[in-house]
Amino acid sequence: MAQTLKTGDTVKVIAGDHKGTVAKIVKVDRTAHKAMLENLNLRERHLRATQYNPKGGKKTIHVGIDLSNLKKEDK
């Protein structure tokens, strides 16, 4: 049975490095079948120097967790 997960839902991670963690969904990417969770699975991207960003720098991004590894939590 397919789950309907959407932004704002509270989910529990059932597989992977963050197994057992409960978090809220920030964004869902339906084409890649991934969900971005609040304060979970964050990475830093290094940005090259450009005309609009002359110094370059770092940017923190969410890395998605596959929807099959998530379970909707009941309230």
Protein backbone atom coordinates (compact mmCIF):
# COMPACT_ATOMS: atom_id res chain seq x y z
CA MET A 1 0.00 0.00 0.00
CA ALA A 2 1.36 3.39 -1.00
CA GLN A 3 1.79 6.11 1.59
CA THR A 4 0.77 9.68 0.96
CA LEU A 5 3.51 11.80 2.52
CA LYS A 6 3.40 15.55 2.23
CA THR A 7 5.18 18.61 3.59
CA GLY A 8 4.56 19.07 7.31
CA ASP A 9 3.94 15.39 8.11
CA THR A 10 5.82 13.81 11.00
CA VAL A 11 7.64 10.63 9.93
CA LYS A 12 9.90 8.00 11.45
CA VAL A 13 12.98 6.73 9.61
CA ILE A 14 12.76 2.92 9.46
CA ALA A 15 16.01 2.13 7.62
CA GLY A 16 19.46 3.61 7.12
CA ASP A 17 21.89 5.62 9.23
CA HIS A 18 19.15 7.64 10.92
CA LYS A 19 16.95 4.64 11.80
CA GLY A 20 14.50 5.38 14.62
CA THR A 21 14.66 9.15 14.24
CA VAL A 22 11.39 11.09 14.15
CA ALA A 23 11.36 14.31 12.10
CA LYS A 24 9.09 16.64 10.13
CA ILE A 25 9.12 16.74 6.30
CA VAL A 26 10.37 20.03 4.86
CA LYS A 27 10.08 19.17 1.16
CA VAL A 28 9.08 16.18 -1.00
CA ASP A 29 10.67 15.45 -4.39
CA ARG A 30 8.16 13.17 -6.13
CA THR A 31 10.27 12.58 -9.27
CA ALA A 32 13.27 11.31 -7.28
CA HIS A 33 11.07 9.62 -4.60
CA LYS A 34 12.88 11.45 -1.79
CA ALA A 35 11.87 13.57 1.19
CA MET A 36 13.96 16.23 2.92
CA LEU A 37 13.64 16.12 6.71
CA GLU A 38 14.08 18.96 9.19
CA ASN A 39 17.65 19.12 10.63
CA LEU A 40 18.45 15.65 9.28
CA ASN A 41 20.86 14.54 6.55
CA LEU A 42 22.38 17.99 5.92
CA ARG A 43 25.48 18.43 3.76
CA GLU A 44 27.65 21.39 2.73
CA ARG A 45 28.05 22.29 -0.93
CA HIS A 46 31.11 24.28 -1.96
CA LEU A 47 30.35 27.11 -4.37
CA ARG A 48 32.85 28.38 -6.88
CA ALA A 49 33.54 32.08 -7.22
CA THR A 50 31.31 33.77 -9.80
CA GLN A 51 30.55 37.31 -10.87
CA TYR A 52 27.58 37.41 -8.49
CA ASN A 53 29.38 35.59 -5.66
CA PRO A 54 33.03 36.73 -5.96
CA LYS A 55 34.27 34.94 -2.83
CA GLY A 56 32.55 31.60 -3.42
CA GLY A 57 31.79 29.84 -0.16
CA LYS A 58 29.68 27.07 1.34
CA LYS A 59 25.96 26.38 1.34
CA THR A 60 24.10 23.91 3.56
CA ILE A 61 21.63 21.72 1.65
CA HIS A 62 19.24 18.88 2.47
CA VAL A 63 20.01 15.45 1.05
CA GLY A 64 16.85 13.46 0.52
CA ILE A 65 15.90 10.20 2.20
CA ASP A 66 14.05 7.67 0.05
CA LEU A 67 10.30 7.54 0.69
CA SER A 68 10.45 3.76 1.16
CA ASN A 69 12.60 4.33 4.27
CA LEU A 70 9.98 6.52 5.96
CA LYS A 71 6.86 5.67 7.95
CA LYS A 72 4.15 8.19 8.79
CA GLU A 73 3.79 8.74 12.54
CA ASP A 74 0.33 8.81 14.08
CA LYS A 75 -0.47 11.72 16.35
